Amino acid sequence: MNDIFARGLSHPEGPVVLADGRIALVEMGDDRKSVVIVSADGDRITLTEHAGNPNGLAIDGDGCFWVAGGPGQSLVRLSPSGETLMRIDGGADGPFLWPNDLAFGPDGYLYMTDSGISPEIVFSRQAQEKGFRNLDHDGRVYRIDPRRGEVIGCLARGILFANGIAFDPDGALYYNETLTGLVYRLREGGEPEPYANVIRSPDPDGFKGPDGMAFAADGTLYCAVMGEGHVCVVASDGAVEAWLPTKCDHPTNVAFDLTEELVYVTEYGLGEIEIMRVGRKGAPLHAPSLDG
């Protein structure tokens, strides 16, 4: 059985491992809606609380926190102490609907998935009766200039619930589509292409599929699959290598340890961060300095 890094969290998501071994993350639960930093000895620092609908997290080279799902479904930049420094509400195509996950690219830009549908609709009775795939989805992938605080491009749209996002060691962008199970790859100057499907048992009527993702240094992808209770391991050629079981059915995201061959998994239902020994080191995350 896997060890536990932290307990007592409220629907955790968006883990980022800090240089000192602590983990920053967001709590999506209505009782918290917070950005926190937790350590293995149980210490907890709350940077924000009851602020928007936090869902994704990234950290830049200045130690500032970027939160997908700030007040009013915004993207916000927080100082290391939690002060709001910047707020972005949308782009040329309108306001964000459900900011989901974030990753800085090797070009210094910030990339964000927008699930393309409001949380109120997803959690409504209509969604249960009509079927999740039959809802009006327009999931998108945005390129954002973090220095100017502007959306500068929409790289993909029409996605059936856009969710996890990550860059491989060669600089290609990956994002996933929860309701189909597909992970897409987007190389610079190219078009999105299907890369892998991480669902073991398709369920056209259910709400399950890929969530947060992270790459190992050798190009292997680790993807949390909510609703199925595993982390899917995908080789660099797109073939599924393994499914690593988690303690509950709703893992939301993964993050590599910075020094050891460990993956941390946020567990939505249990409110825990699970530790997996995977035998691979993680690919370093991009973290551009914006204030210099």
C-alpha atoms as a PDB file:
ATOM      1  CA  MET A   1       0.000   0.000   0.000  1.00  0.00           C
ATOM      2  CA  ASN A   2       1.231   3.478  -0.824  1.00  0.00           C
ATOM      3  CA  ASP A   3       2.247   5.909   1.921  1.00  0.00           C
ATOM      4  CA  ILE A   4       0.407   9.169   2.637  1.00  0.00           C
ATOM      5  CA  PHE A   5       2.097  12.584   2.531  1.00  0.00           C
ATOM      6  CA  ALA A   6      -0.811  14.619   3.936  1.00  0.00           C
ATOM      7  CA  ARG A   7      -4.350  14.093   5.204  1.00  0.00           C
ATOM      8  CA  GLY A   8      -7.320  16.264   6.115  1.00  0.00           C
ATOM      9  CA  LEU A   9      -7.527  18.156   2.829  1.00  0.00           C
ATOM     10  CA  SER A  10     -10.771  19.301   1.228  1.00  0.00           C
ATOM     11  CA  HIS A  11     -10.966  17.975  -2.347  1.00  0.00           C
ATOM     12  CA  PRO A  12      -7.280  18.638  -3.165  1.00  0.00           C
ATOM     13  CA  GLU A  13      -6.013  19.469  -6.665  1.00  0.00           C
ATOM     14  CA  GLY A  14      -3.108  21.116  -8.496  1.00  0.00           C
ATOM     15  CA  PRO A  15      -0.102  19.876  -6.456  1.00  0.00           C
ATOM     16  CA  VAL A  16       3.277  21.556  -7.014  1.00  0.00           C
ATOM     17  CA  VAL A  17       6.320  20.321  -5.103  1.00  0.00           C
ATOM     18  CA  LEU A  18       8.423  23.133  -3.615  1.00  0.00           C
ATOM     19  CA  ALA A  19      12.203  23.198  -3.283  1.00  0.00           C
ATOM     20  CA  ASP A  20      12.017  22.508   0.459  1.00  0.00           C
ATOM     21  CA  GLY A  21       9.879  19.377  -0.025  1.00  0.00           C
ATOM     22  CA  ARG A  22       6.556  20.913   0.934  1.00  0.00           C
ATOM     23  CA  ILE A  23       3.637  20.749  -1.491  1.00  0.00           C
ATOM     24  CA  ALA A  24       1.502  23.686  -2.612  1.00  0.00           C
ATOM     25  CA  LEU A  25      -2.006  22.867  -3.820  1.00  0.00           C
ATOM     26  CA  VAL A  26      -5.572  24.078  -4.009  1.00  0.00           C
ATOM     27  CA  GLU A  27      -8.551  22.794  -2.056  1.00  0.00           C
ATOM     28  CA  MET A  28     -11.772  22.771  -4.071  1.00  0.00           C
ATOM     29  CA  GLY A  29     -14.152  21.904  -1.242  1.00  0.00           C
ATOM     30  CA  ASP A  30     -16.848  24.470  -0.424  1.00  0.00           C
ATOM     31  CA  ASP A  31     -15.675  24.600   3.175  1.00  0.00           C
ATOM     32  CA  ARG A  32     -12.190  25.762   2.154  1.00  0.00           C
ATOM     33  CA  LYS A  33     -11.756  26.938  -1.473  1.00  0.00           C
ATOM     34  CA  SER A  34      -8.192  27.734  -0.605  1.00  0.00           C
ATOM     35  CA  VAL A  35      -4.564  27.767  -1.690  1.00  0.00           C
ATOM     36  CA  VAL A  36      -2.398  26.006   0.875  1.00  0.00           C
ATOM     37  CA  ILE A  37       1.108  24.717   1.496  1.00  0.00           C
ATOM     38  CA  VAL A  38       1.405  21.436   3.406  1.00  0.00           C
ATOM     39  CA  SER A  39       4.316  19.427   4.739  1.00  0.00           C
ATOM     40  CA  ALA A  40       4.788  15.786   5.622  1.00  0.00           C
ATOM     41  CA  ASP A  41       4.831  16.575   9.357  1.00  0.00           C
ATOM     42  CA  GLY A  42       1.312  18.006   9.223  1.00  0.00           C
ATOM     43  CA  ASP A  43       2.101  21.725   9.098  1.00  0.00           C
ATOM     44  CA  ARG A  44      -0.268  23.788   6.971  1.00  0.00           C
ATOM     45  CA  ILE A  45      -0.067  27.367   5.709  1.00  0.00           C
ATOM     46  CA  THR A  46      -3.221  28.849   4.172  1.00  0.00           C
ATOM     47  CA  LEU A  47      -2.521  31.584   1.613  1.00  0.00           C
ATOM     48  CA  THR A  48      -6.135  32.230   0.581  1.00  0.00           C
ATOM     49  CA  GLU A  49      -9.482  30.895   1.753  1.00  0.00           C
ATOM     50  CA  HIS A  50     -13.000  31.030   0.279  1.00  0.00           C
ATOM     51  CA  ALA A  51     -11.586  32.716  -2.821  1.00  0.00           C
ATOM     52  CA  GLY A  52     -13.316  31.736  -6.056  1.00  0.00           C
ATOM     53  CA  ASN A  53     -13.335  28.167  -7.336  1.00  0.00           C
ATOM     54  CA  PRO A  54      -9.644  27.139  -7.298  1.00  0.00           C
ATOM     55  CA  ASN A  55      -8.870  24.183  -9.530  1.00  0.00           C
ATOM     56  CA  GLY A  56      -5.310  24.454 -10.889  1.00  0.00           C
ATOM     57  CA  LEU A  57      -1.984  25.833  -9.698  1.00  0.00           C
ATOM     58  CA  ALA A  58       1.391  26.811 -11.158  1.00  0.00           C
ATOM     59  CA  ILE A  59       4.345  28.654  -9.645  1.00  0.00           C
ATOM     60  CA  ASP A  60       6.571  31.089 -11.515  1.00  0.00           C
ATOM     61  CA  GLY A  61      10.263  31.821 -11.011  1.00  0.00           C
ATOM     62  CA  ASP A  62       9.500  34.608  -8.523  1.00  0.00           C
ATOM     63  CA  GLY A  63       7.698  32.244  -6.170  1.00  0.00           C
ATOM     64  CA  CYS A  64       4.284  33.630  -7.082  1.00  0.00           C
ATOM     65  CA  PHE A  65       1.250  31.369  -7.361  1.00  0.00           C
ATOM     66  CA  TRP A  66      -0.985  31.283 -10.442  1.00  0.00           C
ATOM     67  CA  VAL A  67      -4.457  29.971  -9.628  1.00  0.00           C
ATOM     68  CA  ALA A  68      -6.931  28.761 -12.233  1.00  0.00           C
ATOM     69  CA  GLY A  69     -10.345  29.464 -10.759  1.00  0.00           C
ATOM     70  CA  GLY A  70     -10.020  32.694  -8.842  1.00  0.00           C
ATOM     71  CA  PRO A  71     -13.019  34.920  -8.041  1.00  0.00           C
ATOM     72  CA  GLY A  72     -15.545  34.979 -10.869  1.00  0.00           C
ATOM     73  CA  GLN A  73     -13.832  32.089 -12.728  1.00  0.00           C
ATOM     74  CA  SER A  74     -10.706  34.173 -13.246  1.00  0.00           C
ATOM     75  CA  LEU A  75      -7.004  33.411 -13.450  1.00  0.00           C
ATOM     76  CA  VAL A  76      -5.078  35.157 -10.690  1.00  0.00           C
ATOM     77  CA  ARG A  77      -1.463  35.662  -9.703  1.00  0.00           C
ATOM     78  CA  LEU A  78      -0.741  35.679  -5.983  1.00  0.00           C
ATOM     79  CA  SER A  79       2.376  36.874  -4.196  1.00  0.00           C
ATOM     80  CA  PRO A  80       4.274  34.330  -2.058  1.00  0.00           C
ATOM     81  CA  SER A  81       2.244  35.597   0.909  1.00  0.00           C
ATOM     82  CA  GLY A  82      -1.121  35.326  -0.885  1.00  0.00           C
ATOM     83  CA  GLU A  83      -1.744  38.915  -2.006  1.00  0.00           C
ATOM     84  CA  THR A  84      -3.526  39.239  -5.366  1.00  0.00           C
ATOM     85  CA  LEU A  85      -1.153  40.794  -7.907  1.00  0.00           C
ATOM     86  CA  MET A  86      -3.023  40.211 -11.165  1.00  0.00           C
ATOM     87  CA  ARG A  87      -6.426  39.013 -12.346  1.00  0.00           C
ATOM     88  CA  ILE A  88      -7.367  37.868 -15.866  1.00  0.00           C
ATOM     89  CA  ASP A  89     -11.040  37.235 -16.603  1.00  0.00           C
ATOM     90  CA  GLY A  90     -10.934  36.083 -20.212  1.00  0.00           C
ATOM     91  CA  GLY A  91      -9.776  36.835 -23.720  1.00  0.00           C
ATOM     92  CA  ALA A  92     -11.052  38.104 -27.052  1.00  0.00           C
ATOM     93  CA  ASP A  93     -13.600  35.277 -27.239  1.00  0.00           C
ATOM     94  CA  GLY A  94     -15.221  36.189 -23.934  1.00  0.00           C
ATOM     95  CA  PRO A  95     -14.873  35.396 -20.241  1.00  0.00           C
ATOM     96  CA  PHE A  96     -13.438  32.133 -18.962  1.00  0.00           C
ATOM     97  CA  LEU A  97     -16.087  29.521 -18.148  1.00  0.00           C
ATOM     98  CA  TRP A  98     -14.170  27.106 -15.910  1.00  0.00           C
ATOM     99  CA  PRO A  99     -10.394  27.636 -15.673  1.00  0.00           C
ATOM    100  CA  ASN A 100      -8.981  24.210 -14.983  1.00  0.00           C
ATOM    101  CA  ASP A 101      -5.270  23.460 -15.165  1.00  0.00           C
ATOM    102  CA  LEU A 102      -2.034  25.380 -15.789  1.00  0.00           C
ATOM    103  CA  ALA A 103       1.515  24.861 -17.045  1.00  0.00           C
ATOM    104  CA  PHE A 104       4.305  27.240 -17.954  1.00  0.00           C
ATOM    105  CA  GLY A 105       5.923  26.476 -21.287  1.00  0.00           C
ATOM    106  CA  PRO A 106       9.565  26.617 -22.331  1.00  0.00           C
ATOM    107  CA  ASP A 107       8.758  29.889 -24.136  1.00  0.00           C
ATOM    108  CA  GLY A 108       7.857  31.626 -20.863  1.00  0.00           C
ATOM    109  CA  TYR A 109       4.143  31.788 -21.625  1.00  0.00           C
ATOM    110  CA  LEU A 110       1.463  30.320 -19.369  1.00  0.00           C
ATOM    111  CA  TYR A 111      -0.877  27.716 -20.829  1.00  0.00           C
ATOM    112  CA  MET A 112      -4.325  27.038 -19.372  1.00  0.00           C
ATOM    113  CA  THR A 113      -7.187  24.690 -20.057  1.00  0.00           C
ATOM    114  CA  ASP A 114     -10.727  26.026 -19.742  1.00  0.00           C
ATOM    115  CA  SER A 115     -13.185  23.157 -19.400  1.00  0.00           C
ATOM    116  CA  GLY A 116     -15.615  25.112 -21.571  1.00  0.00           C
ATOM    117  CA  ILE A 117     -18.724  24.733 -19.445  1.00  0.00           C
ATOM    118  CA  SER A 118     -19.777  26.228 -16.132  1.00  0.00           C
ATOM    119  CA  PRO A 119     -19.558  24.134 -12.942  1.00  0.00           C
ATOM    120  CA  GLU A 120     -23.219  24.916 -12.235  1.00  0.00           C
ATOM    121  CA  ILE A 121     -24.273  23.086 -15.412  1.00  0.00           C
ATOM    122  CA  VAL A 122     -21.979  20.104 -14.843  1.00  0.00           C
ATOM    123  CA  PHE A 123     -23.319  19.555 -11.329  1.00  0.00           C
ATOM    124  CA  SER A 124     -26.969  20.156 -12.236  1.00  0.00           C
ATOM    125  CA  ARG A 125     -29.821  17.678 -12.458  1.00  0.00           C
ATOM    126  CA  GLN A 126     -29.951  18.407 -16.194  1.00  0.00           C
ATOM    127  CA  ALA A 127     -26.460  16.980 -16.599  1.00  0.00           C
ATOM    128  CA  GLN A 128     -27.455  13.785 -14.806  1.00  0.00           C
ATOM    129  CA  GLU A 129     -30.583  13.352 -16.915  1.00  0.00           C
ATOM    130  CA  LYS A 130     -29.283  14.521 -20.280  1.00  0.00           C
ATOM    131  CA  GLY A 131     -25.857  12.871 -20.112  1.00  0.00           C
ATOM    132  CA  PHE A 132     -22.566  14.705 -19.722  1.00  0.00           C
ATOM    133  CA  ARG A 133     -21.530  14.298 -23.353  1.00  0.00           C
ATOM    134  CA  ASN A 134     -24.756  15.896 -24.535  1.00  0.00           C
ATOM    135  CA  LEU A 135     -24.084  19.167 -22.738  1.00  0.00           C
ATOM    136  CA  ASP A 136     -22.823  22.227 -24.586  1.00  0.00           C
ATOM    137  CA  HIS A 137     -19.040  21.885 -24.175  1.00  0.00           C
ATOM    138  CA  ASP A 138     -16.482  24.233 -25.702  1.00  0.00           C
ATOM    139  CA  GLY A 139     -13.311  23.321 -23.881  1.00  0.00           C
ATOM    140  CA  ARG A 140     -10.275  25.389 -24.836  1.00  0.00           C
ATOM    141  CA  VAL A 141      -6.517  25.663 -24.469  1.00  0.00           C
ATOM    142  CA  TYR A 142      -5.211  29.202 -24.017  1.00  0.00           C
ATOM    143  CA  ARG A 143      -1.764  30.754 -24.384  1.00  0.00           C
ATOM    144  CA  ILE A 144      -1.355  33.632 -21.932  1.00  0.00           C
ATOM    145  CA  ASP A 145       1.310  36.314 -21.633  1.00  0.00           C
ATOM    146  CA  PRO A 146       1.891  36.380 -17.848  1.00  0.00           C
ATOM    147  CA  ARG A 147       3.814  39.633 -17.920  1.00  0.00           C
ATOM    148  CA  ARG A 148       1.093  41.641 -19.658  1.00  0.00           C
ATOM    149  CA  GLY A 149      -1.742  39.641 -18.155  1.00  0.00           C
ATOM    150  CA  GLU A 150      -3.350  38.963 -21.542  1.00  0.00           C
ATOM    151  CA  VAL A 151      -4.672  35.960 -23.427  1.00  0.00           C
ATOM    152  CA  ILE A 152      -2.721  35.954 -26.691  1.00  0.00           C
ATOM    153  CA  GLY A 153      -4.115  32.862 -28.377  1.00  0.00           C
ATOM    154  CA  CYS A 154      -6.552  29.969 -28.286  1.00  0.00           C
ATOM    155  CA  LEU A 155      -4.715  26.841 -29.444  1.00  0.00           C
ATOM    156  CA  ALA A 156      -7.647  24.416 -29.396  1.00  0.00           C
ATOM    157  CA  ARG A 157     -11.368  24.517 -28.744  1.00  0.00           C
ATOM    158  CA  GLY A 158     -14.481  22.341 -28.929  1.00  0.00           C
ATOM    159  CA  ILE A 159     -12.958  19.950 -26.375  1.00  0.00           C
ATOM    160  CA  LEU A 160     -15.352  17.751 -24.374  1.00  0.00           C
ATOM    161  CA  PHE A 161     -14.232  19.040 -20.979  1.00  0.00           C
ATOM    162  CA  ALA A 162     -10.637  20.214 -21.303  1.00  0.00           C
ATOM    163  CA  ASN A 163      -8.665  19.256 -18.214  1.00  0.00           C
ATOM    164  CA  GLY A 164      -5.021  18.359 -17.572  1.00  0.00           C
ATOM    165  CA  ILE A 165      -2.094  20.075 -19.299  1.00  0.00           C
ATOM    166  CA  ALA A 166       1.684  19.460 -19.314  1.00  0.00           C
ATOM    167  CA  PHE A 167       4.845  19.835 -21.373  1.00  0.00           C
ATOM    168  CA  ASP A 168       7.111  16.918 -22.232  1.00  0.00           C
ATOM    169  CA  PRO A 169      10.913  17.192 -21.912  1.00  0.00           C
ATOM    170  CA  ASP A 170      11.183  18.118 -25.618  1.00  0.00           C
ATOM    171  CA  GLY A 171       8.790  21.066 -25.248  1.00  0.00           C
ATOM    172  CA  ALA A 172       5.656  19.619 -26.836  1.00  0.00           C
ATOM    173  CA  LEU A 173       2.328  20.548 -25.227  1.00  0.00           C
ATOM    174  CA  TYR A 174      -0.143  17.902 -24.048  1.00  0.00           C
ATOM    175  CA  TYR A 175      -3.717  18.400 -22.898  1.00  0.00           C
ATOM    176  CA  ASN A 176      -6.570  15.997 -22.316  1.00  0.00           C
ATOM    177  CA  GLU A 177     -10.279  15.614 -22.914  1.00  0.00           C
ATOM    178  CA  THR A 178     -11.979  14.060 -19.916  1.00  0.00           C
ATOM    179  CA  LEU A 179     -15.162  12.725 -21.501  1.00  0.00           C
ATOM    180  CA  THR A 180     -13.402  10.792 -24.288  1.00  0.00           C
ATOM    181  CA  GLY A 181     -10.295   9.750 -22.341  1.00  0.00           C
ATOM    182  CA  LEU A 182      -8.017  11.199 -25.003  1.00  0.00           C
ATOM    183  CA  VAL A 183      -4.693  12.915 -24.420  1.00  0.00           C
ATOM    184  CA  TYR A 184      -3.658  15.215 -27.277  1.00  0.00           C
ATOM    185  CA  ARG A 185      -0.182  16.340 -28.287  1.00  0.00           C
ATOM    186  CA  LEU A 186       0.521  19.719 -29.862  1.00  0.00           C
ATOM    187  CA  ARG A 187       3.980  20.345 -31.274  1.00  0.00           C
ATOM    188  CA  GLU A 188       5.096  23.902 -32.031  1.00  0.00           C
ATOM    189  CA  GLY A 189       3.761  24.900 -35.437  1.00  0.00           C
ATOM    190  CA  GLY A 190       1.630  21.764 -35.771  1.00  0.00           C
ATOM    191  CA  GLU A 191      -1.950  20.683 -35.231  1.00  0.00           C
ATOM    192  CA  PRO A 192      -3.325  18.800 -32.212  1.00  0.00           C
ATOM    193  CA  GLU A 193      -3.037  15.025 -32.626  1.00  0.00           C
ATOM    194  CA  PRO A 194      -4.428  12.191 -30.484  1.00  0.00           C
ATOM    195  CA  TYR A 195      -1.606  10.726 -28.410  1.00  0.00           C
ATOM    196  CA  ALA A 196      -3.167   8.173 -26.049  1.00  0.00           C
ATOM    197  CA  ASN A 197      -6.415   7.088 -24.438  1.00  0.00           C
ATOM    198  CA  VAL A 198      -6.107   6.511 -20.698  1.00  0.00           C
ATOM    199  CA  ILE A 199      -9.588   5.155 -19.853  1.00  0.00           C
ATOM    200  CA  ARG A 200      -9.698   1.418 -19.139  1.00  0.00           C
ATOM    201  CA  SER A 201     -13.487   1.006 -19.336  1.00  0.00           C
ATOM    202  CA  PRO A 202     -15.340   3.561 -21.502  1.00  0.00           C
ATOM    203  CA  ASP A 203     -18.579   4.897 -20.038  1.00  0.00           C
ATOM    204  CA  PRO A 204     -20.419   7.157 -22.529  1.00  0.00           C
ATOM    205  CA  ASP A 205     -22.940   8.272 -19.899  1.00  0.00           C
ATOM    206  CA  GLY A 206     -20.592   8.828 -16.972  1.00  0.00           C
ATOM    207  CA  PHE A 207     -18.269  11.610 -15.923  1.00  0.00           C
ATOM    208  CA  LYS A 208     -14.814  10.104 -15.704  1.00  0.00           C
ATOM    209  CA  GLY A 209     -11.525  10.311 -17.494  1.00  0.00           C
ATOM    210  CA  PRO A 210      -8.104  11.987 -17.501  1.00  0.00           C
ATOM    211  CA  ASP A 211      -7.384  14.795 -15.070  1.00  0.00           C
ATOM    212  CA  GLY A 212      -3.975  16.208 -14.070  1.00  0.00           C
ATOM    213  CA  MET A 213      -0.746  15.031 -15.748  1.00  0.00           C
ATOM    214  CA  ALA A 214       3.033  15.187 -15.288  1.00  0.00           C
ATOM    215  CA  PHE A 215       6.031  13.948 -17.254  1.00  0.00           C
ATOM    216  CA  ALA A 216       8.995  11.915 -16.126  1.00  0.00           C
ATOM    217  CA  ALA A 217      12.434  12.993 -17.337  1.00  0.00           C
ATOM    218  CA  ASP A 218      12.492  10.125 -19.859  1.00  0.00           C
ATOM    219  CA  GLY A 219       9.260  11.316 -21.523  1.00  0.00           C
ATOM    220  CA  THR A 220       6.880   8.900 -19.779  1.00  0.00           C
ATOM    221  CA  LEU A 221       3.506  10.492 -18.985  1.00  0.00           C
ATOM    222  CA  TYR A 222       1.681   9.969 -15.675  1.00  0.00           C
ATOM    223  CA  CYS A 223      -2.019  10.875 -15.800  1.00  0.00           C
ATOM    224  CA  ALA A 224      -4.553  10.741 -12.974  1.00  0.00           C
ATOM    225  CA  VAL A 225      -7.810   9.139 -14.150  1.00  0.00           C
ATOM    226  CA  MET A 226     -10.747  10.244 -12.024  1.00  0.00           C
ATOM    227  CA  GLY A 227     -13.652   7.847 -11.782  1.00  0.00           C
ATOM    228  CA  GLU A 228     -11.451   4.796 -12.375  1.00  0.00           C
ATOM    229  CA  GLY A 229      -9.076   4.967  -9.436  1.00  0.00           C
ATOM    230  CA  HIS A 230      -5.685   4.823 -11.086  1.00  0.00           C
ATOM    231  CA  VAL A 231      -2.775   6.738 -12.542  1.00  0.00           C
ATOM    232  CA  CYS A 232      -2.217   5.760 -16.159  1.00  0.00           C
ATOM    233  CA  VAL A 233       1.420   5.450 -17.247  1.00  0.00           C
ATOM    234  CA  VAL A 234       1.966   6.195 -20.949  1.00  0.00           C
ATOM    235  CA  ALA A 235       5.256   5.460 -22.710  1.00  0.00           C
ATOM    236  CA  SER A 236       6.857   8.057 -24.955  1.00  0.00           C
ATOM    237  CA  ASP A 237       5.397   6.354 -28.043  1.00  0.00           C
ATOM    238  CA  GLY A 238       1.828   6.778 -26.726  1.00  0.00           C
ATOM    239  CA  ALA A 239       1.344   3.158 -25.632  1.00  0.00           C
ATOM    240  CA  VAL A 240      -0.184   2.541 -22.205  1.00  0.00           C
ATOM    241  CA  GLU A 241       2.490   0.956 -20.029  1.00  0.00           C
ATOM    242  CA  ALA A 242       0.594   0.460 -16.757  1.00  0.00           C
ATOM    243  CA  TRP A 243      -2.301   1.493 -14.555  1.00  0.00           C
ATOM    244  CA  LEU A 244      -1.212   2.240 -11.000  1.00  0.00           C
ATOM    245  CA  PRO A 245      -4.136   1.829  -8.579  1.00  0.00           C
ATOM    246  CA  THR A 246      -4.962   4.620  -6.137  1.00  0.00           C
ATOM    247  CA  LYS A 247      -6.681   4.410  -2.762  1.00  0.00           C
ATOM    248  CA  CYS A 248      -9.923   5.960  -4.012  1.00  0.00           C
ATOM    249  CA  ASP A 249     -11.766   6.276  -7.319  1.00  0.00           C
ATOM    250  CA  HIS A 250     -11.109   9.981  -7.823  1.00  0.00           C
ATOM    251  CA  PRO A 251      -7.450  10.909  -8.101  1.00  0.00           C
ATOM    252  CA  THR A 252      -7.284  14.456  -9.453  1.00  0.00           C
ATOM    253  CA  ASN A 253      -3.649  15.232 -10.215  1.00  0.00           C
ATOM    254  CA  VAL A 254      -0.027  14.148  -9.961  1.00  0.00           C
ATOM    255  CA  ALA A 255       3.324  15.817  -9.249  1.00  0.00           C
ATOM    256  CA  PHE A 256       6.861  14.458  -9.198  1.00  0.00           C
ATOM    257  CA  ASP A 257       9.175  14.813  -6.242  1.00  0.00           C
ATOM    258  CA  LEU A 258      12.136  17.057  -7.087  1.00  0.00           C
ATOM    259  CA  THR A 259      14.866  14.661  -5.919  1.00  0.00           C
ATOM    260  CA  GLU A 260      13.469  11.159  -5.405  1.00  0.00           C
ATOM    261  CA  GLU A 261      11.673   8.806  -7.794  1.00  0.00           C
ATOM    262  CA  LEU A 262       8.264   9.548  -6.289  1.00  0.00           C
ATOM    263  CA  VAL A 263       4.926  10.761  -7.592  1.00  0.00           C
ATOM    264  CA  TYR A 264       2.429  12.531  -5.340  1.00  0.00           C
ATOM    265  CA  VAL A 265      -1.251  11.985  -6.127  1.00  0.00           C
ATOM    266  CA  THR A 266      -4.054  14.211  -4.855  1.00  0.00           C
ATOM    267  CA  GLU A 267      -7.117  12.170  -3.860  1.00  0.00           C
ATOM    268  CA  TYR A 268     -10.418  14.046  -4.161  1.00  0.00           C
ATOM    269  CA  GLY A 269     -12.600  11.722  -2.103  1.00  0.00           C
ATOM    270  CA  LEU A 270     -10.176  10.902   0.703  1.00  0.00           C
ATOM    271  CA  GLY A 271      -8.695  14.377   1.054  1.00  0.00           C
ATOM    272  CA  GLU A 272      -5.172  12.981   0.972  1.00  0.00           C
ATOM    273  CA  ILE A 273      -1.916  13.173  -0.951  1.00  0.00           C
ATOM    274  CA  GLU A 274      -0.766   9.656  -1.775  1.00  0.00           C
ATOM    275  CA  ILE A 275       2.882   8.742  -2.448  1.00  0.00           C
ATOM    276  CA  MET A 276       3.787   6.376  -5.319  1.00  0.00           C
ATOM    277  CA  ARG A 277       7.273   4.958  -5.858  1.00  0.00           C
ATOM    278  CA  VAL A 278       7.591   4.887  -9.618  1.00  0.00           C
ATOM    279  CA  GLY A 279      11.284   4.329 -10.361  1.00  0.00           C
ATOM    280  CA  ARG A 280      11.587   7.467 -12.489  1.00  0.00           C
ATOM    281  CA  LYS A 281      12.581  11.060 -11.824  1.00  0.00           C
ATOM    282  CA  GLY A 282      10.346  13.877 -12.967  1.00  0.00           C
ATOM    283  CA  ALA A 283      10.965  16.349 -15.751  1.00  0.00           C
ATOM    284  CA  PRO A 284      11.676  19.815 -14.306  1.00  0.00           C
ATOM    285  CA  LEU A 285       8.774  22.264 -14.524  1.00  0.00           C
ATOM    286  CA  HIS A 286       9.211  25.549 -16.359  1.00  0.00           C
ATOM    287  CA  ALA A 287       9.125  28.520 -13.981  1.00  0.00           C
ATOM    288  CA  PRO A 288      10.023  31.799 -15.710  1.00  0.00           C
ATOM    289  CA  SER A 289      10.910  34.878 -13.698  1.00  0.00           C
ATOM    290  CA  LEU A 290       8.449  37.655 -14.534  1.00  0.00           C
ATOM    291  CA  ASP A 291       9.544  40.506 -12.289  1.00  0.00           C
ATOM    292  CA  GLY A 292      13.141  40.932 -13.412  1.00  0.00           C
END
